[in-house]
Amino acid sequence: ILCKNDYIRLYGLSGACSACGQSIPASEMVMRAQGSVYHLKCFTCSTCRNRLVPGDRFHYINGTIFCEHDRPGGGLLGGHATPLQASSMMSDQKVC
């Protein structure tokens, strides 16, 4: 059982998954990105739908999750991801 402050800290104000909108039980593990909370099964790349797991790099752009391979503007050059310019709208992160 969590107090109200701890529940909000862990699951956000709504207690709902940012992807599917369904409620998240207090006992369930979650994934987080920039203040948004997700069911483990819902923390997926918006392009390829692959589930991201701890250790995976991802990009969180305007509330949308992309895997390292599918990030917008991230085409491949010689097998390497093209560099992106940093901006306040893009965030390169690692799932921990």
PDB file of N, CA and C in Angstrom:
ATOM      1  N   ILE A   1       0.853  -1.173   0.000  1.00  0.00           N
ATOM      2  CA  ILE A   1       0.000   0.000   0.000  1.00  0.00           C
ATOM      3  C   ILE A   1       0.895   1.232   0.000  1.00  0.00           C
ATOM      4  N   LEU A   2       0.583   2.175  -0.862  1.00  0.00           N
ATOM      5  CA  LEU A   2       1.362   3.401  -0.974  1.00  0.00           C
ATOM      6  C   LEU A   2       0.544   4.592  -0.498  1.00  0.00           C
ATOM      7  N   CYS A   3       1.236   5.553   0.101  1.00  0.00           N
ATOM      8  CA  CYS A   3       0.554   6.802   0.423  1.00  0.00           C
ATOM      9  C   CYS A   3       0.319   7.557  -0.888  1.00  0.00           C
ATOM     10  N   LYS A   4      -0.530   8.550  -0.857  1.00  0.00           N
ATOM     11  CA  LYS A   4      -0.889   9.291  -2.061  1.00  0.00           C
ATOM     12  C   LYS A   4       0.338   9.905  -2.730  1.00  0.00           C
ATOM     13  N   ASN A   5       1.233  10.493  -1.956  1.00  0.00           N
ATOM     14  CA  ASN A   5       2.421  11.135  -2.525  1.00  0.00           C
ATOM     15  C   ASN A   5       3.323  10.136  -3.231  1.00  0.00           C
ATOM     16  N   ASP A   6       3.536   8.970  -2.636  1.00  0.00           N
ATOM     17  CA  ASP A   6       4.380   7.953  -3.266  1.00  0.00           C
ATOM     18  C   ASP A   6       3.722   7.388  -4.521  1.00  0.00           C
ATOM     19  N   TYR A   7       2.416   7.194  -4.494  1.00  0.00           N
ATOM     20  CA  TYR A   7       1.716   6.696  -5.678  1.00  0.00           C
ATOM     21  C   TYR A   7       1.865   7.682  -6.838  1.00  0.00           C
ATOM     22  N   ILE A   8       1.672   8.955  -6.564  1.00  0.00           N
ATOM     23  CA  ILE A   8       1.809   9.977  -7.603  1.00  0.00           C
ATOM     24  C   ILE A   8       3.246  10.039  -8.105  1.00  0.00           C
ATOM     25  N   ARG A   9       4.205   9.918  -7.209  1.00  0.00           N
ATOM     26  CA  ARG A   9       5.615   9.939  -7.600  1.00  0.00           C
ATOM     27  C   ARG A   9       5.940   8.765  -8.519  1.00  0.00           C
ATOM     28  N   LEU A  10       5.403   7.592  -8.227  1.00  0.00           N
ATOM     29  CA  LEU A  10       5.696   6.394  -9.008  1.00  0.00           C
ATOM     30  C   LEU A  10       4.870   6.279 -10.283  1.00  0.00           C
ATOM     31  N   TYR A  11       3.608   6.643 -10.230  1.00  0.00           N
ATOM     32  CA  TYR A  11       2.688   6.370 -11.341  1.00  0.00           C
ATOM     33  C   TYR A  11       2.076   7.610 -11.979  1.00  0.00           C
ATOM     34  N   GLY A  12       2.473   8.786 -11.553  1.00  0.00           N
ATOM     35  CA  GLY A  12       1.917  10.006 -12.117  1.00  0.00           C
ATOM     36  C   GLY A  12       0.560  10.335 -11.516  1.00  0.00           C
ATOM     37  N   LEU A  13       0.035  11.465 -11.909  1.00  0.00           N
ATOM     38  CA  LEU A  13      -1.234  11.930 -11.344  1.00  0.00           C
ATOM     39  C   LEU A  13      -2.403  11.034 -11.706  1.00  0.00           C
ATOM     40  N   SER A  14      -2.403  10.503 -12.916  1.00  0.00           N
ATOM     41  CA  SER A  14      -3.561   9.723 -13.343  1.00  0.00           C
ATOM     42  C   SER A  14      -3.471   8.259 -12.946  1.00  0.00           C
ATOM     43  N   GLY A  15      -2.244   7.750 -12.721  1.00  0.00           N
ATOM     44  CA  GLY A  15      -2.087   6.328 -12.448  1.00  0.00           C
ATOM     45  C   GLY A  15      -2.339   5.491 -13.680  1.00  0.00           C
ATOM     46  N   ALA A  16      -2.289   6.143 -14.854  1.00  0.00           N
ATOM     47  CA  ALA A  16      -2.573   5.455 -16.110  1.00  0.00           C
ATOM     48  C   ALA A  16      -1.328   5.402 -16.984  1.00  0.00           C
ATOM     49  N   CYS A  17      -1.249   4.378 -17.791  1.00  0.00           N
ATOM     50  CA  CYS A  17      -0.163   4.201 -18.748  1.00  0.00           C
ATOM     51  C   CYS A  17      -0.261   5.291 -19.818  1.00  0.00           C
ATOM     52  N   SER A  18       0.862   5.922 -20.120  1.00  0.00           N
ATOM     53  CA  SER A  18       0.880   6.981 -21.128  1.00  0.00           C
ATOM     54  C   SER A  18       0.641   6.458 -22.537  1.00  0.00           C
ATOM     55  N   ALA A  19       0.838   5.167 -22.766  1.00  0.00           N
ATOM     56  CA  ALA A  19       0.634   4.598 -24.102  1.00  0.00           C
ATOM     57  C   ALA A  19      -0.792   4.108 -24.311  1.00  0.00           C
ATOM     58  N   CYS A  20      -1.280   3.273 -23.403  1.00  0.00           N
ATOM     59  CA  CYS A  20      -2.598   2.648 -23.613  1.00  0.00           C
ATOM     60  C   CYS A  20      -3.719   3.308 -22.818  1.00  0.00           C
ATOM     61  N   GLY A  21      -3.365   4.108 -21.823  1.00  0.00           N
ATOM     62  CA  GLY A  21      -4.374   4.789 -21.027  1.00  0.00           C
ATOM     63  C   GLY A  21      -5.002   3.945 -19.935  1.00  0.00           C
ATOM     64  N   GLN A  22      -4.645   2.660 -19.875  1.00  0.00           N
ATOM     65  CA  GLN A  22      -5.192   1.773 -18.845  1.00  0.00           C
ATOM     66  C   GLN A  22      -4.524   2.062 -17.500  1.00  0.00           C
ATOM     67  N   SER A  23      -5.221   1.772 -16.429  1.00  0.00           N
ATOM     68  CA  SER A  23      -4.654   2.008 -15.101  1.00  0.00           C
ATOM     69  C   SER A  23      -3.483   1.064 -14.845  1.00  0.00           C
ATOM     70  N   ILE A  24      -2.587   1.515 -13.993  1.00  0.00           N
ATOM     71  CA  ILE A  24      -1.415   0.727 -13.627  1.00  0.00           C
ATOM     72  C   ILE A  24      -1.562   0.352 -12.157  1.00  0.00           C
ATOM     73  N   PRO A  25      -1.694  -0.932 -11.868  1.00  0.00           N
ATOM     74  CA  PRO A  25      -1.798  -1.350 -10.466  1.00  0.00           C
ATOM     75  C   PRO A  25      -0.545  -0.947  -9.688  1.00  0.00           C
ATOM     76  N   ALA A  26      -0.721  -0.623  -8.434  1.00  0.00           N
ATOM     77  CA  ALA A  26       0.395  -0.171  -7.607  1.00  0.00           C
ATOM     78  C   ALA A  26       1.489  -1.221  -7.476  1.00  0.00           C
ATOM     79  N   SER A  27       1.167  -2.486  -7.662  1.00  0.00           N
ATOM     80  CA  SER A  27       2.155  -3.559  -7.503  1.00  0.00           C
ATOM     81  C   SER A  27       2.925  -3.853  -8.793  1.00  0.00           C
ATOM     82  N   GLU A  28       2.570  -3.205  -9.889  1.00  0.00           N
ATOM     83  CA  GLU A  28       3.167  -3.520 -11.190  1.00  0.00           C
ATOM     84  C   GLU A  28       4.432  -2.705 -11.453  1.00  0.00           C
ATOM     85  N   MET A  29       5.432  -3.361 -12.059  1.00  0.00           N
ATOM     86  CA  MET A  29       6.649  -2.672 -12.483  1.00  0.00           C
ATOM     87  C   MET A  29       6.292  -1.769 -13.660  1.00  0.00           C
ATOM     88  N   VAL A  30       6.994  -0.637 -13.781  1.00  0.00           N
ATOM     89  CA  VAL A  30       6.721   0.315 -14.849  1.00  0.00           C
ATOM     90  C   VAL A  30       8.018   0.773 -15.505  1.00  0.00           C
ATOM     91  N   MET A  31       7.877   1.376 -16.671  1.00  0.00           N
ATOM     92  CA  MET A  31       8.974   2.060 -17.350  1.00  0.00           C
ATOM     93  C   MET A  31       8.622   3.539 -17.348  1.00  0.00           C
ATOM     94  N   ARG A  32       9.645   4.394 -17.296  1.00  0.00           N
ATOM     95  CA  ARG A  32       9.427   5.833 -17.254  1.00  0.00           C
ATOM     96  C   ARG A  32      10.259   6.531 -18.320  1.00  0.00           C
ATOM     97  N   ALA A  33       9.722   7.637 -18.829  1.00  0.00           N
ATOM     98  CA  ALA A  33      10.463   8.504 -19.741  1.00  0.00           C
ATOM     99  C   ALA A  33       9.925   9.920 -19.588  1.00  0.00           C
ATOM    100  N   GLN A  34      10.784  10.828 -19.197  1.00  0.00           N
ATOM    101  CA  GLN A  34      10.428  12.247 -19.097  1.00  0.00           C
ATOM    102  C   GLN A  34       9.125  12.488 -18.344  1.00  0.00           C
ATOM    103  N   GLY A  35       8.932  11.822 -17.238  1.00  0.00           N
ATOM    104  CA  GLY A  35       7.740  12.023 -16.436  1.00  0.00           C
ATOM    105  C   GLY A  35       6.535  11.198 -16.854  1.00  0.00           C
ATOM    106  N   SER A  36       6.617  10.521 -17.976  1.00  0.00           N
ATOM    107  CA  SER A  36       5.533   9.635 -18.404  1.00  0.00           C
ATOM    108  C   SER A  36       5.789   8.237 -17.860  1.00  0.00           C
ATOM    109  N   VAL A  37       4.714   7.509 -17.597  1.00  0.00           N
ATOM    110  CA  VAL A  37       4.808   6.172 -17.018  1.00  0.00           C
ATOM    111  C   VAL A  37       4.119   5.180 -17.953  1.00  0.00           C
ATOM    112  N   TYR A  38       4.733   3.994 -18.118  1.00  0.00           N
ATOM    113  CA  TYR A  38       4.241   2.994 -19.056  1.00  0.00           C
ATOM    114  C   TYR A  38       4.218   1.612 -18.419  1.00  0.00           C
ATOM    115  N   HIS A  39       3.242   0.774 -18.818  1.00  0.00           N
ATOM    116  CA  HIS A  39       3.334  -0.658 -18.525  1.00  0.00           C
ATOM    117  C   HIS A  39       4.598  -1.166 -19.208  1.00  0.00           C
ATOM    118  N   LEU A  40       5.190  -2.227 -18.709  1.00  0.00           N
ATOM    119  CA  LEU A  40       6.368  -2.806 -19.359  1.00  0.00           C
ATOM    120  C   LEU A  40       6.062  -3.177 -20.806  1.00  0.00           C
ATOM    121  N   LYS A  41       4.885  -3.770 -21.029  1.00  0.00           N
ATOM    122  CA  LYS A  41       4.520  -4.216 -22.379  1.00  0.00           C
ATOM    123  C   LYS A  41       4.224  -3.055 -23.321  1.00  0.00           C
ATOM    124  N   CYS A  42       3.950  -1.891 -22.793  1.00  0.00           N
ATOM    125  CA  CYS A  42       3.604  -0.728 -23.616  1.00  0.00           C
ATOM    126  C   CYS A  42       4.799   0.161 -23.946  1.00  0.00           C
ATOM    127  N   PHE A  43       5.937  -0.095 -23.335  1.00  0.00           N
ATOM    128  CA  PHE A  43       7.117   0.731 -23.576  1.00  0.00           C
ATOM    129  C   PHE A  43       7.794   0.223 -24.845  1.00  0.00           C
ATOM    130  N   THR A  44       7.261   0.648 -25.996  1.00  0.00           N
ATOM    131  CA  THR A  44       7.700   0.135 -27.289  1.00  0.00           C
ATOM    132  C   THR A  44       8.032   1.275 -28.244  1.00  0.00           C
ATOM    133  N   CYS A  45       8.834   0.955 -29.244  1.00  0.00           N
ATOM    134  CA  CYS A  45       9.142   1.894 -30.317  1.00  0.00           C
ATOM    135  C   CYS A  45       7.855   2.171 -31.095  1.00  0.00           C
ATOM    136  N   SER A  46       7.573   3.423 -31.352  1.00  0.00           N
ATOM    137  CA  SER A  46       6.337   3.759 -32.065  1.00  0.00           C
ATOM    138  C   SER A  46       6.386   3.373 -33.543  1.00  0.00           C
ATOM    139  N   THR A  47       7.575   3.099 -34.070  1.00  0.00           N
ATOM    140  CA  THR A  47       7.702   2.723 -35.478  1.00  0.00           C
ATOM    141  C   THR A  47       7.656   1.215 -35.670  1.00  0.00           C
ATOM    142  N   CYS A  48       8.574   0.495 -35.023  1.00  0.00           N
ATOM    143  CA  CYS A  48       8.676  -0.960 -35.252  1.00  0.00           C
ATOM    144  C   CYS A  48       7.931  -1.783 -34.204  1.00  0.00           C
ATOM    145  N   ARG A  49       7.456  -1.130 -33.144  1.00  0.00           N
ATOM    146  CA  ARG A  49       6.705  -1.778 -32.061  1.00  0.00           C
ATOM    147  C   ARG A  49       7.536  -2.756 -31.229  1.00  0.00           C
ATOM    148  N   ASN A  50       8.855  -2.759 -31.393  1.00  0.00           N
ATOM    149  CA  ASN A  50       9.696  -3.604 -30.541  1.00  0.00           C
ATOM    150  C   ASN A  50       9.680  -3.062 -29.125  1.00  0.00           C
ATOM    151  N   ARG A  51       9.582  -3.964 -28.173  1.00  0.00           N
ATOM    152  CA  ARG A  51       9.571  -3.579 -26.768  1.00  0.00           C
ATOM    153  C   ARG A  51      10.979  -3.204 -26.343  1.00  0.00           C
ATOM    154  N   LEU A  52      11.099  -2.122 -25.608  1.00  0.00           N
ATOM    155  CA  LEU A  52      12.384  -1.680 -25.090  1.00  0.00           C
ATOM    156  C   LEU A  52      12.563  -2.225 -23.684  1.00  0.00           C
ATOM    157  N   VAL A  53      13.757  -2.676 -23.409  1.00  0.00           N
ATOM    158  CA  VAL A  53      14.067  -3.270 -22.112  1.00  0.00           C
ATOM    159  C   VAL A  53      15.246  -2.522 -21.506  1.00  0.00           C
ATOM    160  N   PRO A  54      15.475  -2.684 -20.198  1.00  0.00           N
ATOM    161  CA  PRO A  54      16.620  -2.021 -19.579  1.00  0.00           C
ATOM    162  C   PRO A  54      17.906  -2.295 -20.352  1.00  0.00           C
ATOM    163  N   GLY A  55      18.656  -1.216 -20.616  1.00  0.00           N
ATOM    164  CA  GLY A  55      19.893  -1.292 -21.379  1.00  0.00           C
ATOM    165  C   GLY A  55      19.739  -0.814 -22.810  1.00  0.00           C
ATOM    166  N   ASP A  56      18.498  -0.806 -23.340  1.00  0.00           N
ATOM    167  CA  ASP A  56      18.260  -0.327 -24.704  1.00  0.00           C
ATOM    168  C   ASP A  56      18.339   1.197 -24.744  1.00  0.00           C
ATOM    169  N   ARG A  57      18.933   1.724 -25.805  1.00  0.00           N
ATOM    170  CA  ARG A  57      18.939   3.169 -26.024  1.00  0.00           C
ATOM    171  C   ARG A  57      17.657   3.532 -26.771  1.00  0.00           C
ATOM    172  N   PHE A  58      17.108   4.699 -26.432  1.00  0.00           N
ATOM    173  CA  PHE A  58      15.896   5.142 -27.103  1.00  0.00           C
ATOM    174  C   PHE A  58      15.873   6.655 -27.175  1.00  0.00           C
ATOM    175  N   HIS A  59      14.971   7.169 -27.979  1.00  0.00           N
ATOM    176  CA  HIS A  59      14.772   8.605 -28.126  1.00  0.00           C
ATOM    177  C   HIS A  59      13.324   8.904 -27.771  1.00  0.00           C
ATOM    178  N   TYR A  60      13.127   9.930 -26.984  1.00  0.00           N
ATOM    179  CA  TYR A  60      11.796  10.344 -26.554  1.00  0.00           C
ATOM    180  C   TYR A  60      11.558  11.721 -27.155  1.00  0.00           C
ATOM    181  N   ILE A  61      10.726  11.782 -28.183  1.00  0.00           N
ATOM    182  CA  ILE A  61      10.529  13.010 -28.937  1.00  0.00           C
ATOM    183  C   ILE A  61       9.059  13.401 -28.893  1.00  0.00           C
ATOM    184  N   ASN A  62       8.787  14.533 -28.273  1.00  0.00           N
ATOM    185  CA  ASN A  62       7.405  15.026 -28.167  1.00  0.00           C
ATOM    186  C   ASN A  62       6.440  13.963 -27.663  1.00  0.00           C
ATOM    187  N   GLY A  63       6.850  13.220 -26.648  1.00  0.00           N
ATOM    188  CA  GLY A  63       5.983  12.215 -26.049  1.00  0.00           C
ATOM    189  C   GLY A  63       5.939  10.890 -26.784  1.00  0.00           C
ATOM    190  N   THR A  64       6.781  10.720 -27.802  1.00  0.00           N
ATOM    191  CA  THR A  64       6.803   9.491 -28.589  1.00  0.00           C
ATOM    192  C   THR A  64       8.138   8.789 -28.412  1.00  0.00           C
ATOM    193  N   ILE A  65       8.098   7.470 -28.259  1.00  0.00           N
ATOM    194  CA  ILE A  65       9.303   6.669 -28.032  1.00  0.00           C
ATOM    195  C   ILE A  65       9.758   6.048 -29.348  1.00  0.00           C
ATOM    196  N   PHE A  66      11.065   6.148 -29.610  1.00  0.00           N
ATOM    197  CA  PHE A  66      11.679   5.524 -30.783  1.00  0.00           C
ATOM    198  C   PHE A  66      12.889   4.721 -30.336  1.00  0.00           C
ATOM    199  N   CYS A  67      13.072   3.547 -30.920  1.00  0.00           N
ATOM    200  CA  CYS A  67      14.289   2.785 -30.650  1.00  0.00           C
ATOM    201  C   CYS A  67      15.448   3.484 -31.362  1.00  0.00           C
ATOM    202  N   GLU A  68      16.669   3.082 -31.052  1.00  0.00           N
ATOM    203  CA  GLU A  68      17.851   3.694 -31.641  1.00  0.00           C
ATOM    204  C   GLU A  68      17.817   3.619 -33.171  1.00  0.00           C
ATOM    205  N   HIS A  69      17.344   2.519 -33.716  1.00  0.00           N
ATOM    206  CA  HIS A  69      17.331   2.316 -35.166  1.00  0.00           C
ATOM    207  C   HIS A  69      16.288   3.176 -35.875  1.00  0.00           C
ATOM    208  N   ASP A  70      15.155   3.411 -35.247  1.00  0.00           N
ATOM    209  CA  ASP A  70      14.026   4.076 -35.907  1.00  0.00           C
ATOM    210  C   ASP A  70      13.852   5.545 -35.561  1.00  0.00           C
ATOM    211  N   ARG A  71      14.820   6.135 -34.912  1.00  0.00           N
ATOM    212  CA  ARG A  71      14.650   7.541 -34.547  1.00  0.00           C
ATOM    213  C   ARG A  71      14.492   8.390 -35.803  1.00  0.00           C
ATOM    214  N   PRO A  72      13.634   9.410 -35.767  1.00  0.00           N
ATOM    215  CA  PRO A  72      13.452  10.279 -36.931  1.00  0.00           C
ATOM    216  C   PRO A  72      14.770  10.940 -37.321  1.00  0.00           C
ATOM    217  N   GLY A  73      15.060  10.944 -38.604  1.00  0.00           N
ATOM    218  CA  GLY A  73      16.303  11.534 -39.083  1.00  0.00           C
ATOM    219  C   GLY A  73      17.511  10.679 -38.801  1.00  0.00           C
ATOM    220  N   GLY A  74      17.303   9.450 -38.345  1.00  0.00           N
ATOM    221  CA  GLY A  74      18.409   8.591 -37.945  1.00  0.00           C
ATOM    222  C   GLY A  74      18.749   7.534 -38.960  1.00  0.00           C
ATOM    223  N   GLY A  75      18.756   7.890 -40.229  1.00  0.00           N
ATOM    224  CA  GLY A  75      19.095   6.925 -41.269  1.00  0.00           C
ATOM    225  C   GLY A  75      20.501   6.392 -41.091  1.00  0.00           C
ATOM    226  N   LEU A  76      20.811   5.311 -41.766  1.00  0.00           N
ATOM    227  CA  LEU A  76      22.122   4.690 -41.627  1.00  0.00           C
ATOM    228  C   LEU A  76      23.056   5.160 -42.729  1.00  0.00           C
ATOM    229  N   LEU A  77      24.302   5.426 -42.361  1.00  0.00           N
ATOM    230  CA  LEU A  77      25.366   5.738 -43.300  1.00  0.00           C
ATOM    231  C   LEU A  77      26.482   4.761 -43.033  1.00  0.00           C
ATOM    232  N   GLY A  78      26.706   3.839 -43.941  1.00  0.00           N
ATOM    233  CA  GLY A  78      27.775   2.879 -43.734  1.00  0.00           C
ATOM    234  C   GLY A  78      27.581   2.045 -42.486  1.00  0.00           C
ATOM    235  N   GLY A  79      26.328   1.778 -42.113  1.00  0.00           N
ATOM    236  CA  GLY A  79      26.062   0.938 -40.955  1.00  0.00           C
ATOM    237  C   GLY A  79      26.084   1.680 -39.633  1.00  0.00           C
ATOM    238  N   HIS A  80      26.294   2.987 -39.674  1.00  0.00           N
ATOM    239  CA  HIS A  80      26.316   3.770 -38.443  1.00  0.00           C
ATOM    240  C   HIS A  80      25.164   4.762 -38.455  1.00  0.00           C
ATOM    241  N   ALA A  81      24.594   4.981 -37.330  1.00  0.00           N
ATOM    242  CA  ALA A  81      23.508   5.948 -37.234  1.00  0.00           C
ATOM    243  C   ALA A  81      24.064   7.341 -37.483  1.00  0.00           C
ATOM    244  N   THR A  82      23.335   8.142 -38.248  1.00  0.00           N
ATOM    245  CA  THR A  82      23.782   9.502 -38.494  1.00  0.00           C
ATOM    246  C   THR A  82      23.597  10.314 -37.225  1.00  0.00           C
ATOM    247  N   PRO A  83      24.512  11.232 -36.952  1.00  0.00           N
ATOM    248  CA  PRO A  83      24.396  12.023 -35.731  1.00  0.00           C
ATOM    249  C   PRO A  83      23.230  12.997 -35.825  1.00  0.00           C
ATOM    250  N   LEU A  84      22.603  13.253 -34.713  1.00  0.00           N
ATOM    251  CA  LEU A  84      21.519  14.225 -34.644  1.00  0.00           C
ATOM    252  C   LEU A  84      21.996  15.437 -33.871  1.00  0.00           C
ATOM    253  N   GLN A  85      21.509  16.600 -34.259  1.00  0.00           N
ATOM    254  CA  GLN A  85      21.825  17.788 -33.494  1.00  0.00           C
ATOM    255  C   GLN A  85      20.966  17.791 -32.243  1.00  0.00           C
ATOM    256  N   ALA A  86      21.554  18.223 -31.166  1.00  0.00           N
ATOM    257  CA  ALA A  86      20.815  18.270 -29.908  1.00  0.00           C
ATOM    258  C   ALA A  86      19.769  19.372 -29.974  1.00  0.00           C
ATOM    259  N   SER A  87      18.609  19.098 -29.442  1.00  0.00           N
ATOM    260  CA  SER A  87      17.573  20.117 -29.328  1.00  0.00           C
ATOM    261  C   SER A  87      16.748  19.806 -28.097  1.00  0.00           C
ATOM    262  N   SER A  88      15.996  20.779 -27.662  1.00  0.00           N
ATOM    263  CA  SER A  88      15.185  20.572 -26.465  1.00  0.00           C
ATOM    264  C   SER A  88      14.042  19.607 -26.729  1.00  0.00           C
ATOM    265  N   MET A  89      13.731  19.321 -27.999  1.00  0.00           N
ATOM    266  CA  MET A  89      12.625  18.437 -28.324  1.00  0.00           C
ATOM    267  C   MET A  89      13.064  16.989 -28.447  1.00  0.00           C
ATOM    268  N   MET A  90      14.363  16.748 -28.501  1.00  0.00           N
ATOM    269  CA  MET A  90      14.852  15.391 -28.671  1.00  0.00           C
ATOM    270  C   MET A  90      15.667  14.995 -27.459  1.00  0.00           C
ATOM    271  N   SER A  91      15.541  13.768 -27.082  1.00  0.00           N
ATOM    272  CA  SER A  91      16.281  13.284 -25.934  1.00  0.00           C
ATOM    273  C   SER A  91      16.781  11.880 -26.228  1.00  0.00           C
ATOM    274  N   ASP A  92      18.082  11.690 -26.158  1.00  0.00           N
ATOM    275  CA  ASP A  92      18.695  10.382 -26.350  1.00  0.00           C
ATOM    276  C   ASP A  92      18.881   9.795 -24.961  1.00  0.00           C
ATOM    277  N   GLN A  93      18.253   8.680 -24.692  1.00  0.00           N
ATOM    278  CA  GLN A  93      18.272   8.129 -23.352  1.00  0.00           C
ATOM    279  C   GLN A  93      18.571   6.651 -23.388  1.00  0.00           C
ATOM    280  N   LYS A  94      18.846   6.116 -22.241  1.00  0.00           N
ATOM    281  CA  LYS A  94      19.091   4.690 -22.094  1.00  0.00           C
ATOM    282  C   LYS A  94      18.121   4.154 -21.057  1.00  0.00           C
ATOM    283  N   VAL A  95      17.492   3.025 -21.361  1.00  0.00           N
ATOM    284  CA  VAL A  95      16.579   2.401 -20.412  1.00  0.00           C
ATOM    285  C   VAL A  95      17.407   1.833 -19.275  1.00  0.00           C
ATOM    286  N   CYS A  96      17.071   2.193 -18.067  1.00  0.00           N
ATOM    287  CA  CYS A  96      17.796   1.695 -16.891  1.00  0.00           C
ATOM    288  C   CYS A  96      16.906   0.814 -16.054  1.00  0.00           C
TER     289      CYS A  96
END
